[in-house]
Amino acid sequence: YEVRAKVPGGRGTWPAAWLLPAGNFNWPAGGEIDILEHVGHDPGQVHGTVHTTRYNHSRGTERGGEMRVRDACDAFHRYQVLWTPEAINFGVDDVGFYSFRNDGRGNPDTWPFDHPFYMILNIAVGGVWGGAEGIDNNAFPQRMEVDYVRVFQRPAN
């Protein structure tokens, strides 16, 4: 997956590009893949995270990484996830910053990433993380500019 975007700034903003499972799954049992998250109170820091039953923010056990992209709010960047049966690898502009590896145990509590997912692009305002340092009402309106979304699939063998 690749999303070329320029994210909004301003305290209280929380833009994201993320994946949720298609089908009837209760969160987080079906998994969640956050390709990009940025919170306005920490400008230029982007995050990539996975959530599963065992690894999620509700338990304080989520797995993810972060990368400094100083001009994330001023320029377009390519936010990327390479998702294979072995790992989910996160990057920005072809520079990797986190890899979540499949433990190979076949346990959906730790690796539920074996079914189709759909993508969501959104800007939240406030919330537990986005609003952790309040909301600057003078920073609005805001927008996330998306140049493109690309989804690649390996050919069947």
N, C-alpha and C. Protein backbone atom coordinates (compact mmCIF):
# COMPACT_ATOMS: atom_id res chain seq x y z
N TYR A 1 0.86 -1.17 0.00
CA TYR A 1 0.00 0.00 0.00
C TYR A 1 0.90 1.22 0.00
N GLU A 2 0.46 2.23 -0.73
CA GLU A 2 1.20 3.49 -0.74
C GLU A 2 0.20 4.63 -0.84
N VAL A 3 0.35 5.60 0.05
CA VAL A 3 -0.48 6.79 0.06
C VAL A 3 0.45 7.99 -0.04
N ARG A 4 0.29 8.76 -1.10
CA ARG A 4 1.08 9.99 -1.23
C ARG A 4 0.20 11.13 -0.75
N ALA A 5 0.65 11.74 0.36
CA ALA A 5 -0.21 12.74 1.00
C ALA A 5 0.61 13.82 1.68
N LYS A 6 -0.08 14.92 1.93
CA LYS A 6 0.43 16.00 2.77
C LYS A 6 -0.56 16.09 3.93
N VAL A 7 -0.09 15.94 5.15
CA VAL A 7 -0.99 15.89 6.30
C VAL A 7 -1.22 17.28 6.88
N PRO A 8 -2.37 17.49 7.50
CA PRO A 8 -2.62 18.78 8.15
C PRO A 8 -1.84 18.89 9.45
N GLY A 9 -1.65 20.12 9.87
CA GLY A 9 -1.01 20.37 11.16
C GLY A 9 -1.99 21.11 12.06
N GLY A 10 -1.52 21.46 13.19
CA GLY A 10 -2.36 22.18 14.15
C GLY A 10 -2.75 21.29 15.31
N ARG A 11 -2.61 21.83 16.49
CA ARG A 11 -2.92 21.08 17.71
C ARG A 11 -4.38 20.63 17.68
N GLY A 12 -4.56 19.33 17.85
CA GLY A 12 -5.89 18.74 17.83
C GLY A 12 -6.16 17.91 16.59
N THR A 13 -5.35 18.07 15.54
CA THR A 13 -5.56 17.27 14.33
C THR A 13 -4.95 15.88 14.50
N TRP A 14 -5.56 14.92 13.82
CA TRP A 14 -5.11 13.53 13.91
C TRP A 14 -5.43 12.82 12.58
N PRO A 15 -4.68 13.16 11.51
CA PRO A 15 -4.92 12.50 10.23
C PRO A 15 -4.37 11.08 10.23
N ALA A 16 -5.01 10.23 9.43
CA ALA A 16 -4.59 8.83 9.39
C ALA A 16 -4.94 8.19 8.04
N ALA A 17 -4.14 7.20 7.69
CA ALA A 17 -4.43 6.28 6.60
C ALA A 17 -4.28 4.90 7.22
N TRP A 18 -5.38 4.13 7.24
CA TRP A 18 -5.34 2.88 7.99
C TRP A 18 -6.18 1.82 7.33
N LEU A 19 -5.95 0.59 7.77
CA LEU A 19 -6.61 -0.58 7.21
C LEU A 19 -7.35 -1.33 8.30
N LEU A 20 -8.59 -1.71 7.99
CA LEU A 20 -9.40 -2.54 8.88
C LEU A 20 -9.86 -3.77 8.12
N PRO A 21 -10.16 -4.85 8.82
CA PRO A 21 -10.54 -6.08 8.13
C PRO A 21 -11.93 -6.01 7.52
N ALA A 22 -12.05 -6.54 6.32
CA ALA A 22 -13.37 -6.71 5.71
C ALA A 22 -14.02 -7.91 6.39
N GLY A 23 -15.31 -7.85 6.59
CA GLY A 23 -16.00 -8.96 7.25
C GLY A 23 -16.44 -8.59 8.64
N ASN A 24 -16.91 -9.57 9.34
CA ASN A 24 -17.51 -9.37 10.65
C ASN A 24 -16.51 -9.70 11.75
N PHE A 25 -15.68 -8.70 12.10
CA PHE A 25 -14.67 -8.87 13.15
C PHE A 25 -14.90 -7.83 14.22
N ASN A 26 -14.76 -8.21 15.46
CA ASN A 26 -14.74 -7.25 16.55
C ASN A 26 -13.32 -6.74 16.73
N TRP A 27 -13.20 -5.42 16.92
CA TRP A 27 -11.87 -4.84 17.11
C TRP A 27 -11.34 -5.28 18.46
N PRO A 28 -10.10 -5.65 18.56
CA PRO A 28 -9.04 -5.70 17.56
C PRO A 28 -8.80 -7.10 17.00
N ALA A 29 -9.75 -8.01 17.20
CA ALA A 29 -9.52 -9.41 16.82
C ALA A 29 -9.18 -9.59 15.35
N GLY A 30 -9.75 -8.76 14.47
CA GLY A 30 -9.46 -8.89 13.04
C GLY A 30 -8.20 -8.18 12.61
N GLY A 31 -7.61 -7.39 13.52
CA GLY A 31 -6.40 -6.64 13.20
C GLY A 31 -6.69 -5.23 12.73
N GLU A 32 -5.68 -4.41 12.80
CA GLU A 32 -5.70 -3.04 12.28
C GLU A 32 -4.27 -2.70 11.89
N ILE A 33 -4.12 -2.05 10.75
CA ILE A 33 -2.80 -1.61 10.29
C ILE A 33 -2.89 -0.11 10.05
N ASP A 34 -2.15 0.66 10.83
CA ASP A 34 -2.12 2.11 10.67
C ASP A 34 -0.90 2.46 9.82
N ILE A 35 -1.14 2.74 8.54
CA ILE A 35 -0.05 3.07 7.62
C ILE A 35 0.58 4.40 8.02
N LEU A 36 -0.26 5.33 8.40
CA LEU A 36 0.18 6.68 8.75
C LEU A 36 -0.73 7.23 9.82
N GLU A 37 -0.13 7.76 10.86
CA GLU A 37 -0.84 8.60 11.82
C GLU A 37 0.08 9.76 12.16
N HIS A 38 -0.53 10.92 12.35
CA HIS A 38 0.22 12.13 12.71
C HIS A 38 -0.66 12.90 13.68
N VAL A 39 -0.11 13.33 14.78
CA VAL A 39 -0.89 14.15 15.71
C VAL A 39 -0.32 15.56 15.71
N GLY A 40 -1.22 16.53 15.59
CA GLY A 40 -0.81 17.92 15.41
C GLY A 40 0.01 18.49 16.53
N HIS A 41 -0.09 17.95 17.74
CA HIS A 41 0.71 18.47 18.84
C HIS A 41 2.15 17.98 18.79
N ASP A 42 2.47 17.10 17.84
CA ASP A 42 3.84 16.61 17.66
C ASP A 42 4.20 16.70 16.17
N PRO A 43 4.31 17.92 15.65
CA PRO A 43 4.48 18.11 14.21
C PRO A 43 5.71 17.39 13.66
N GLY A 44 5.52 16.77 12.50
CA GLY A 44 6.62 16.12 11.81
C GLY A 44 6.95 14.73 12.28
N GLN A 45 6.26 14.20 13.25
CA GLN A 45 6.48 12.83 13.71
C GLN A 45 5.34 11.98 13.15
N VAL A 46 5.67 10.98 12.33
CA VAL A 46 4.65 10.11 11.77
C VAL A 46 4.80 8.72 12.38
N HIS A 47 3.68 8.01 12.46
CA HIS A 47 3.64 6.73 13.15
C HIS A 47 3.04 5.66 12.24
N GLY A 48 3.53 4.44 12.38
CA GLY A 48 2.96 3.25 11.76
C GLY A 48 2.77 2.21 12.83
N THR A 49 1.58 1.61 12.91
CA THR A 49 1.26 0.74 14.05
C THR A 49 0.38 -0.41 13.61
N VAL A 50 0.51 -1.54 14.30
CA VAL A 50 -0.44 -2.64 14.14
C VAL A 50 -1.16 -2.85 15.48
N HIS A 51 -2.40 -3.30 15.37
CA HIS A 51 -3.19 -3.65 16.55
C HIS A 51 -3.77 -5.04 16.32
N THR A 52 -3.67 -5.86 17.34
CA THR A 52 -4.25 -7.20 17.34
C THR A 52 -4.85 -7.43 18.72
N THR A 53 -5.42 -8.60 18.94
CA THR A 53 -5.97 -8.89 20.27
C THR A 53 -4.88 -8.80 21.33
N ARG A 54 -3.71 -9.33 21.05
CA ARG A 54 -2.62 -9.31 22.02
C ARG A 54 -1.91 -7.96 22.06
N TYR A 55 -1.79 -7.32 20.91
CA TYR A 55 -1.01 -6.08 20.80
C TYR A 55 -1.93 -4.93 20.39
N ASN A 56 -2.35 -4.14 21.37
CA ASN A 56 -3.20 -2.99 21.05
C ASN A 56 -3.08 -1.92 22.12
N HIS A 57 -3.44 -0.70 21.74
CA HIS A 57 -3.28 0.44 22.65
C HIS A 57 -4.16 0.35 23.89
N SER A 58 -5.27 -0.38 23.82
CA SER A 58 -6.12 -0.53 25.00
C SER A 58 -5.40 -1.25 26.13
N ARG A 59 -4.48 -2.12 25.76
CA ARG A 59 -3.70 -2.86 26.74
C ARG A 59 -2.32 -2.25 26.96
N GLY A 60 -1.97 -1.23 26.13
CA GLY A 60 -0.63 -0.65 26.21
C GLY A 60 0.42 -1.54 25.58
N THR A 61 0.00 -2.44 24.69
CA THR A 61 0.93 -3.41 24.11
C THR A 61 1.05 -3.26 22.59
N GLU A 62 0.48 -2.17 22.02
CA GLU A 62 0.53 -2.01 20.57
C GLU A 62 1.97 -2.09 20.07
N ARG A 63 2.12 -2.42 18.80
CA ARG A 63 3.43 -2.53 18.18
C ARG A 63 3.50 -1.55 17.03
N GLY A 64 4.54 -0.73 17.04
CA GLY A 64 4.69 0.23 15.97
C GLY A 64 5.99 0.99 16.07
N GLY A 65 6.16 1.88 15.12
CA GLY A 65 7.35 2.70 15.07
C GLY A 65 6.99 4.10 14.64
N GLU A 66 7.98 4.95 14.65
CA GLU A 66 7.77 6.34 14.26
C GLU A 66 8.99 6.83 13.50
N MET A 67 8.74 7.88 12.72
CA MET A 67 9.82 8.46 11.92
C MET A 67 9.61 9.96 11.85
N ARG A 68 10.69 10.69 11.95
CA ARG A 68 10.63 12.15 11.83
C ARG A 68 10.58 12.52 10.35
N VAL A 69 9.52 13.24 9.96
CA VAL A 69 9.35 13.76 8.61
C VAL A 69 9.06 15.25 8.81
N ARG A 70 10.10 16.03 8.91
CA ARG A 70 9.98 17.42 9.35
C ARG A 70 8.96 18.23 8.56
N ASP A 71 8.85 17.98 7.26
CA ASP A 71 7.95 18.77 6.44
C ASP A 71 6.67 18.01 6.07
N ALA A 72 6.24 17.09 6.93
CA ALA A 72 5.05 16.27 6.65
C ALA A 72 3.81 17.13 6.39
N CYS A 73 3.74 18.29 7.03
CA CYS A 73 2.58 19.17 6.87
C CYS A 73 2.74 20.16 5.72
N ASP A 74 3.93 20.21 5.13
CA ASP A 74 4.20 21.19 4.08
C ASP A 74 4.48 20.58 2.72
N ALA A 75 4.75 19.29 2.66
CA ALA A 75 5.13 18.64 1.40
C ALA A 75 4.50 17.26 1.32
N PHE A 76 4.35 16.77 0.11
CA PHE A 76 3.84 15.43 -0.10
C PHE A 76 4.93 14.40 0.19
N HIS A 77 4.52 13.30 0.81
CA HIS A 77 5.41 12.17 1.07
C HIS A 77 4.64 10.89 0.77
N ARG A 78 5.39 9.82 0.51
CA ARG A 78 4.80 8.51 0.23
C ARG A 78 4.87 7.67 1.50
N TYR A 79 3.72 7.37 2.06
CA TYR A 79 3.60 6.55 3.26
C TYR A 79 3.28 5.13 2.81
N GLN A 80 4.08 4.17 3.26
CA GLN A 80 4.05 2.85 2.66
C GLN A 80 3.94 1.73 3.68
N VAL A 81 3.25 0.67 3.27
CA VAL A 81 3.23 -0.59 4.00
C VAL A 81 3.44 -1.71 2.98
N LEU A 82 4.42 -2.52 3.25
CA LEU A 82 4.62 -3.75 2.48
C LEU A 82 4.17 -4.88 3.39
N TRP A 83 3.06 -5.50 3.03
CA TRP A 83 2.42 -6.53 3.85
C TRP A 83 2.59 -7.87 3.15
N THR A 84 3.33 -8.75 3.76
CA THR A 84 3.55 -10.10 3.24
C THR A 84 3.12 -11.10 4.31
N PRO A 85 3.07 -12.39 4.00
CA PRO A 85 2.74 -13.37 5.04
C PRO A 85 3.76 -13.41 6.17
N GLU A 86 4.96 -12.91 5.93
CA GLU A 86 6.02 -12.95 6.94
C GLU A 86 6.10 -11.71 7.82
N ALA A 87 5.69 -10.55 7.29
CA ALA A 87 5.87 -9.31 8.05
C ALA A 87 5.05 -8.18 7.44
N ILE A 88 4.85 -7.14 8.25
CA ILE A 88 4.28 -5.88 7.79
C ILE A 88 5.36 -4.84 8.01
N ASN A 89 5.83 -4.24 6.90
CA ASN A 89 6.95 -3.29 6.94
C ASN A 89 6.46 -1.90 6.61
N PHE A 90 6.82 -0.94 7.45
CA PHE A 90 6.38 0.44 7.32
C PHE A 90 7.52 1.31 6.80
N GLY A 91 7.18 2.29 5.96
CA GLY A 91 8.20 3.19 5.45
C GLY A 91 7.61 4.51 5.00
N VAL A 92 8.51 5.46 4.79
CA VAL A 92 8.18 6.76 4.23
C VAL A 92 9.20 7.03 3.14
N ASP A 93 8.72 7.32 1.93
CA ASP A 93 9.60 7.64 0.80
C ASP A 93 10.68 6.57 0.62
N ASP A 94 10.26 5.31 0.71
CA ASP A 94 11.15 4.15 0.51
C ASP A 94 12.19 3.95 1.61
N VAL A 95 12.03 4.62 2.74
CA VAL A 95 12.92 4.42 3.89
C VAL A 95 12.11 3.71 4.97
N GLY A 96 12.50 2.48 5.29
CA GLY A 96 11.78 1.72 6.30
C GLY A 96 12.04 2.24 7.70
N PHE A 97 11.01 2.13 8.55
CA PHE A 97 11.21 2.54 9.94
C PHE A 97 10.65 1.56 10.96
N TYR A 98 9.89 0.56 10.53
CA TYR A 98 9.40 -0.44 11.49
C TYR A 98 8.97 -1.69 10.75
N SER A 99 9.21 -2.83 11.38
CA SER A 99 8.77 -4.11 10.82
C SER A 99 8.10 -4.94 11.92
N PHE A 100 6.87 -5.37 11.64
CA PHE A 100 6.15 -6.25 12.55
C PHE A 100 6.17 -7.64 11.94
N ARG A 101 6.84 -8.56 12.60
CA ARG A 101 7.04 -9.90 12.05
C ARG A 101 5.97 -10.88 12.51
N ASN A 102 5.55 -11.74 11.60
CA ASN A 102 4.64 -12.84 11.93
C ASN A 102 5.42 -13.83 12.78
N ASP A 103 4.87 -14.18 13.94
CA ASP A 103 5.57 -15.12 14.82
C ASP A 103 5.46 -16.57 14.33
N GLY A 104 4.66 -16.79 13.30
CA GLY A 104 4.59 -18.12 12.68
C GLY A 104 3.83 -19.16 13.49
N ARG A 105 3.15 -18.77 14.54
CA ARG A 105 2.44 -19.73 15.40
C ARG A 105 1.01 -20.01 14.93
N GLY A 106 0.53 -19.24 13.96
CA GLY A 106 -0.84 -19.43 13.49
C GLY A 106 -1.88 -18.95 14.48
N ASN A 107 -1.49 -18.09 15.42
CA ASN A 107 -2.39 -17.59 16.45
C ASN A 107 -2.97 -16.25 16.00
N PRO A 108 -4.29 -16.16 15.74
CA PRO A 108 -4.87 -14.90 15.30
C PRO A 108 -4.80 -13.79 16.35
N ASP A 109 -4.51 -14.11 17.60
CA ASP A 109 -4.34 -13.07 18.60
C ASP A 109 -3.09 -12.24 18.34
N THR A 110 -2.10 -12.84 17.69
CA THR A 110 -0.86 -12.12 17.39
C THR A 110 -0.68 -11.83 15.91
N TRP A 111 -1.33 -12.60 15.02
CA TRP A 111 -1.23 -12.36 13.57
C TRP A 111 -2.57 -12.67 12.91
N PRO A 112 -3.48 -11.69 12.92
CA PRO A 112 -4.78 -11.88 12.26
C PRO A 112 -4.79 -11.40 10.81
N PHE A 113 -3.62 -11.20 10.24
CA PHE A 113 -3.50 -10.54 8.95
C PHE A 113 -3.49 -11.52 7.78
N ASP A 114 -4.55 -12.32 7.71
CA ASP A 114 -4.64 -13.33 6.66
C ASP A 114 -5.99 -13.28 5.94
N HIS A 115 -6.61 -12.10 5.92
CA HIS A 115 -7.88 -11.91 5.23
C HIS A 115 -7.89 -10.51 4.61
N PRO A 116 -8.84 -10.21 3.74
CA PRO A 116 -8.87 -8.89 3.08
C PRO A 116 -9.14 -7.75 4.08
N PHE A 117 -8.56 -6.61 3.76
CA PHE A 117 -8.75 -5.38 4.54
C PHE A 117 -9.21 -4.28 3.59
N TYR A 118 -9.80 -3.23 4.15
CA TYR A 118 -10.15 -2.04 3.39
C TYR A 118 -9.46 -0.83 4.01
N MET A 119 -9.32 0.23 3.23
CA MET A 119 -8.58 1.41 3.67
C MET A 119 -9.52 2.54 4.06
N ILE A 120 -9.09 3.28 5.08
CA ILE A 120 -9.78 4.48 5.52
C ILE A 120 -8.76 5.62 5.51
N LEU A 121 -9.15 6.76 4.94
CA LEU A 121 -8.37 7.99 5.01
C LEU A 121 -9.22 8.99 5.76
N ASN A 122 -8.72 9.54 6.84
CA ASN A 122 -9.55 10.47 7.61
C ASN A 122 -8.71 11.46 8.40
N ILE A 123 -9.40 12.50 8.85
CA ILE A 123 -8.83 13.45 9.81
C ILE A 123 -9.75 13.47 11.01
N ALA A 124 -9.24 13.03 12.13
CA ALA A 124 -9.98 13.17 13.38
C ALA A 124 -9.57 14.49 14.02
N VAL A 125 -10.45 15.03 14.81
CA VAL A 125 -10.15 16.23 15.59
C VAL A 125 -10.35 15.87 17.05
N GLY A 126 -9.31 16.04 17.83
CA GLY A 126 -9.37 15.68 19.23
C GLY A 126 -9.15 14.20 19.43
N GLY A 127 -9.87 13.63 20.37
CA GLY A 127 -9.68 12.23 20.70
C GLY A 127 -8.60 12.05 21.74
N VAL A 128 -8.42 10.82 22.16
CA VAL A 128 -7.48 10.51 23.22
C VAL A 128 -6.06 10.94 22.86
N TRP A 129 -5.64 10.64 21.64
CA TRP A 129 -4.28 10.97 21.23
C TRP A 129 -4.21 12.33 20.54
N GLY A 130 -5.07 12.54 19.55
CA GLY A 130 -5.05 13.80 18.81
C GLY A 130 -5.32 15.01 19.68
N GLY A 131 -6.17 14.85 20.68
CA GLY A 131 -6.51 15.96 21.56
C GLY A 131 -5.80 15.93 22.89
N ALA A 132 -4.75 15.14 23.00
CA ALA A 132 -4.05 14.98 24.28
C ALA A 132 -3.53 16.30 24.83
N GLU A 133 -3.23 17.26 23.97
CA GLU A 133 -2.76 18.57 24.41
C GLU A 133 -3.76 19.66 24.05
N GLY A 134 -5.02 19.28 23.90
CA GLY A 134 -6.07 20.23 23.59
C GLY A 134 -6.21 20.45 22.09
N ILE A 135 -7.13 21.34 21.74
CA ILE A 135 -7.43 21.65 20.35
C ILE A 135 -7.28 23.15 20.16
N ASP A 136 -6.49 23.53 19.16
CA ASP A 136 -6.33 24.94 18.81
C ASP A 136 -7.40 25.28 17.78
N ASN A 137 -8.49 25.89 18.23
CA ASN A 137 -9.58 26.23 17.32
C ASN A 137 -9.15 27.19 16.22
N ASN A 138 -8.09 27.96 16.46
CA ASN A 138 -7.60 28.89 15.45
C ASN A 138 -6.84 28.18 14.33
N ALA A 139 -6.55 26.91 14.48
CA ALA A 139 -5.82 26.14 13.46
C ALA A 139 -6.74 25.63 12.34
N PHE A 140 -8.05 25.86 12.48
CA PHE A 140 -9.01 25.30 11.53
C PHE A 140 -9.57 26.37 10.61
N PRO A 141 -9.96 25.98 9.40
CA PRO A 141 -10.13 24.63 8.87
C PRO A 141 -8.80 24.00 8.46
N GLN A 142 -8.81 22.69 8.33
CA GLN A 142 -7.65 21.91 7.90
C GLN A 142 -8.09 20.90 6.85
N ARG A 143 -7.11 20.34 6.15
CA ARG A 143 -7.40 19.28 5.19
C ARG A 143 -6.16 18.41 5.01
N MET A 144 -6.41 17.17 4.67
CA MET A 144 -5.34 16.26 4.28
C MET A 144 -5.40 16.18 2.76
N GLU A 145 -4.32 16.51 2.11
CA GLU A 145 -4.27 16.44 0.65
C GLU A 145 -3.70 15.08 0.25
N VAL A 146 -4.44 14.37 -0.58
CA VAL A 146 -4.02 13.04 -1.04
C VAL A 146 -3.83 13.10 -2.55
N ASP A 147 -2.63 12.83 -2.98
CA ASP A 147 -2.32 12.80 -4.41
C ASP A 147 -2.79 11.48 -5.01
N TYR A 148 -2.49 10.38 -4.33
CA TYR A 148 -2.94 9.07 -4.80
C TYR A 148 -2.88 8.04 -3.70
N VAL A 149 -3.58 6.96 -3.94
CA VAL A 149 -3.50 5.74 -3.14
C VAL A 149 -3.23 4.62 -4.12
N ARG A 150 -2.24 3.80 -3.83
CA ARG A 150 -1.91 2.67 -4.69
C ARG A 150 -1.89 1.40 -3.86
N VAL A 151 -2.46 0.36 -4.44
CA VAL A 151 -2.42 -0.95 -3.81
C VAL A 151 -1.82 -1.90 -4.82
N PHE A 152 -0.75 -2.56 -4.41
CA PHE A 152 -0.05 -3.49 -5.28
C PHE A 152 -0.30 -4.90 -4.78
N GLN A 153 -0.33 -5.85 -5.69
CA GLN A 153 -0.50 -7.25 -5.31
C GLN A 153 0.48 -8.08 -6.11
N ARG A 154 1.16 -8.98 -5.41
CA ARG A 154 2.06 -9.89 -6.10
C ARG A 154 1.25 -10.82 -6.98
N PRO A 155 1.77 -11.13 -8.16
CA PRO A 155 1.05 -12.09 -9.01
C PRO A 155 1.03 -13.48 -8.37
N ALA A 156 -0.05 -14.21 -8.63
CA ALA A 156 -0.16 -15.58 -8.12
C ALA A 156 0.91 -16.44 -8.79
N ASN A 157 1.47 -17.36 -8.04
CA ASN A 157 2.52 -18.23 -8.60
C ASN A 157 1.95 -19.27 -9.51
